[in-house]
Amino acid sequence: PGRPARPELVPPQQVDRRRSLHTLAGRAVMIHALCHIEFNAINLALDAVWRFAGMPEAYYRDWLRVADEEALHFTLLADHLATLGATYGDYPAHNSLWEMTDRTSGDVLARMALVPRTLEARGLDASPPVRAKLAEVGDTAAAEIIDIILRDEVGHVAIGNHWYRWLCAQRGLDP
């Protein structure tokens, strides 16, 4: 699939993670990183719709809804990033999330096991401390966006769990 020319994709260890959230620039880097996660999440959900034929209609509805919610998250974060004087693409990012698409491209069960049940679930664990730090430095708008993202991500994990269990049942596997 096509992707925008920016952000520049670099190895994960080259992504700037050390800026203080107490500075505008530090918050911009953090919000940009979250934007990039949501950008990839949109495409992961749409890839799950496009790539895996023969699934029930409800599967496609679920993943289109996920893509729509991820697009909302991206828009909220990108709009907030603009208030910090930056735009999506201004900072380098890594491609680790999208690489999961390649690793799971041949098996919808692997995709359901690894993307919503692992990557999104990790986001549920990581988001509350990020939210708390943003609130602590007075960025209530960003904290409120994280609240929306957390609410929706719980649903995304549930959708992934549903389809993972359904696929396991179809294949006679114990989830």
Protein backbone atom coordinates (compact mmCIF):
# COMPACT_ATOMS: atom_id res chain seq x y z
CA PRO A 1 0.00 0.00 0.00
CA GLY A 2 1.00 3.58 -0.41
CA ARG A 3 2.07 5.68 2.49
CA PRO A 4 2.84 9.35 2.88
CA ALA A 5 6.38 10.58 2.30
CA ARG A 6 6.49 11.76 5.92
CA PRO A 7 7.22 10.88 8.62
CA GLU A 8 10.66 9.53 7.86
CA LEU A 9 10.77 5.92 9.04
CA VAL A 10 13.82 5.02 11.13
CA PRO A 11 14.80 2.06 13.32
CA PRO A 12 12.98 2.16 16.68
CA GLN A 13 16.16 2.99 18.60
CA GLN A 14 16.54 6.20 16.54
CA VAL A 15 13.13 7.59 17.53
CA ASP A 16 13.45 10.48 20.00
CA ARG A 17 11.91 9.37 23.32
CA ARG A 18 13.80 11.48 25.82
CA ARG A 19 12.12 14.85 25.60
CA SER A 20 10.41 16.15 28.70
CA LEU A 21 6.63 16.42 28.66
CA HIS A 22 7.17 19.62 30.64
CA THR A 23 8.16 21.33 27.38
CA LEU A 24 6.01 22.10 24.36
CA ALA A 25 8.54 20.35 22.11
CA GLY A 26 8.53 17.26 24.33
CA ARG A 27 4.75 17.06 24.30
CA ALA A 28 4.75 17.50 20.52
CA VAL A 29 7.10 14.52 20.14
CA MET A 30 4.84 12.42 22.39
CA ILE A 31 1.62 13.41 20.60
CA HIS A 32 3.32 12.80 17.25
CA ALA A 33 4.27 9.28 18.38
CA LEU A 34 0.65 8.66 19.39
CA CYS A 35 -0.52 10.02 16.02
CA HIS A 36 1.78 7.56 14.29
CA ILE A 37 0.37 4.67 16.31
CA GLU A 38 -3.16 5.66 15.32
CA PHE A 39 -2.14 6.15 11.67
CA ASN A 40 -0.85 2.59 11.62
CA ALA A 41 -3.91 1.32 13.48
CA ILE A 42 -6.19 2.72 10.76
CA ASN A 43 -4.22 0.86 8.12
CA LEU A 44 -3.98 -2.34 10.16
CA ALA A 45 -7.77 -2.41 10.53
CA LEU A 46 -8.32 -1.69 6.84
CA ASP A 47 -5.76 -4.33 5.90
CA ALA A 48 -7.70 -6.86 8.01
CA VAL A 49 -10.78 -6.03 5.91
CA TRP A 50 -8.98 -6.13 2.57
CA ARG A 51 -6.63 -9.06 3.09
CA PHE A 52 -8.79 -11.76 4.63
CA ALA A 53 -11.56 -12.94 2.31
CA GLY A 54 -14.28 -15.36 3.30
CA MET A 55 -14.97 -14.05 6.78
CA PRO A 56 -18.52 -13.39 8.02
CA GLU A 57 -20.03 -10.01 7.16
CA ALA A 58 -19.92 -9.00 10.84
CA TYR A 59 -16.11 -9.34 10.77
CA TYR A 60 -15.86 -6.70 8.04
CA ARG A 61 -18.32 -4.41 9.82
CA ASP A 62 -16.33 -4.71 13.04
CA TRP A 63 -12.99 -3.88 11.43
CA LEU A 64 -14.43 -0.99 9.43
CA ARG A 65 -15.76 0.40 12.71
CA VAL A 66 -12.33 -0.03 14.27
CA ALA A 67 -10.74 1.81 11.31
CA ASP A 68 -13.27 4.62 11.69
CA GLU A 69 -12.51 4.97 15.41
CA GLU A 70 -8.76 4.86 14.79
CA ALA A 71 -9.23 7.64 12.20
CA LEU A 72 -11.06 9.70 14.83
CA HIS A 73 -8.18 9.15 17.27
CA PHE A 74 -5.66 10.19 14.62
CA THR A 75 -7.65 13.33 13.80
CA LEU A 76 -8.02 14.33 17.45
CA LEU A 77 -4.31 13.84 18.05
CA ALA A 78 -3.25 15.57 14.81
CA ASP A 79 -5.47 18.54 15.64
CA HIS A 80 -3.96 18.71 19.12
CA LEU A 81 -0.47 18.38 17.65
CA ALA A 82 -1.21 21.48 15.56
CA THR A 83 -1.91 23.44 18.77
CA LEU A 84 1.62 22.49 19.84
CA GLY A 85 3.06 23.95 16.65
CA ALA A 86 3.72 20.70 14.79
CA THR A 87 2.10 18.47 12.19
CA TYR A 88 2.08 14.74 11.61
CA GLY A 89 5.28 13.91 9.77
CA ASP A 90 7.45 16.52 11.47
CA TYR A 91 9.34 13.90 13.51
CA PRO A 92 10.83 10.53 12.56
CA ALA A 93 8.85 7.43 13.46
CA HIS A 94 9.42 3.68 13.34
CA ASN A 95 7.60 1.08 11.28
CA SER A 96 7.29 -1.69 13.87
CA LEU A 97 3.49 -1.70 13.99
CA TRP A 98 3.12 -1.94 10.23
CA GLU A 99 5.75 -4.71 10.12
CA MET A 100 3.26 -6.81 12.10
CA THR A 101 1.03 -6.67 9.02
CA ASP A 102 3.70 -8.43 6.98
CA ARG A 103 4.30 -11.01 9.70
CA THR A 104 0.60 -11.88 9.92
CA SER A 105 -0.39 -11.40 6.28
CA GLY A 106 -0.93 -15.08 5.58
CA ASP A 107 -3.20 -15.97 8.49
CA VAL A 108 -6.18 -14.13 9.91
CA LEU A 109 -5.88 -16.13 13.15
CA ALA A 110 -2.31 -14.89 13.63
CA ARG A 111 -3.48 -11.34 12.93
CA MET A 112 -6.30 -11.58 15.49
CA ALA A 113 -3.94 -13.13 18.05
CA LEU A 114 -1.18 -10.56 17.67
CA VAL A 115 -2.64 -7.20 16.69
CA PRO A 116 -5.77 -6.55 18.78
CA ARG A 117 -5.01 -9.03 21.56
CA THR A 118 -1.34 -8.09 21.99
CA LEU A 119 -0.48 -4.72 20.46
CA GLU A 120 -3.76 -2.99 21.32
CA ALA A 121 -3.82 -4.63 24.74
CA ARG A 122 -0.32 -3.23 25.40
CA GLY A 123 -1.71 0.17 24.51
CA LEU A 124 -4.36 -0.27 27.19
CA ASP A 125 -1.57 -0.85 29.71
CA ALA A 126 0.61 2.03 28.49
CA SER A 127 -2.08 4.69 28.07
CA PRO A 128 -3.03 5.40 31.72
CA PRO A 129 0.52 6.40 32.75
CA VAL A 130 0.87 8.56 29.61
CA ARG A 131 -2.51 10.15 30.36
CA ALA A 132 -1.45 10.83 33.95
CA LYS A 133 1.81 12.47 32.84
CA LEU A 134 0.00 14.68 30.32
CA ALA A 135 -2.54 15.73 32.95
CA GLU A 136 0.26 16.36 35.44
CA VAL A 137 1.91 18.87 33.07
CA GLY A 138 -1.44 20.59 32.46
CA ASP A 139 -2.22 19.21 29.00
CA THR A 140 -5.84 18.40 29.84
CA ALA A 141 -6.83 18.37 26.16
CA ALA A 142 -4.35 15.56 25.45
CA ALA A 143 -5.48 13.70 28.58
CA GLU A 144 -9.09 13.90 27.39
CA ILE A 145 -8.08 12.53 23.98
CA ILE A 146 -6.34 9.62 25.71
CA ASP A 147 -9.60 8.97 27.60
CA ILE A 148 -11.45 8.65 24.28
CA ILE A 149 -8.76 6.40 22.87
CA LEU A 150 -8.79 4.17 25.96
CA ARG A 151 -12.56 3.82 25.82
CA ASP A 152 -12.47 2.76 22.18
CA GLU A 153 -9.41 0.51 22.48
CA VAL A 154 -11.21 -1.62 25.07
CA GLY A 155 -13.77 -2.31 22.34
CA HIS A 156 -11.06 -3.04 19.78
CA VAL A 157 -9.49 -5.64 22.05
CA ALA A 158 -12.94 -7.17 22.60
CA ILE A 159 -13.49 -7.35 18.82
CA GLY A 160 -10.12 -9.02 18.38
CA ASN A 161 -10.90 -11.49 21.17
CA HIS A 162 -14.27 -12.31 19.60
CA TRP A 163 -12.79 -13.06 16.17
CA TYR A 164 -9.81 -14.89 17.65
CA ARG A 165 -12.16 -17.22 19.55
CA TRP A 166 -14.41 -17.61 16.49
CA LEU A 167 -11.44 -18.55 14.32
CA CYS A 168 -10.13 -20.98 16.94
CA ALA A 169 -13.57 -22.64 17.05
CA GLN A 170 -13.65 -22.85 13.25
CA ARG A 171 -10.26 -24.59 13.27
CA GLY A 172 -10.98 -26.80 16.26
CA LEU A 173 -8.32 -25.08 18.37
CA ASP A 174 -8.40 -24.33 22.07
CA PRO A 175 -8.04 -20.55 22.44
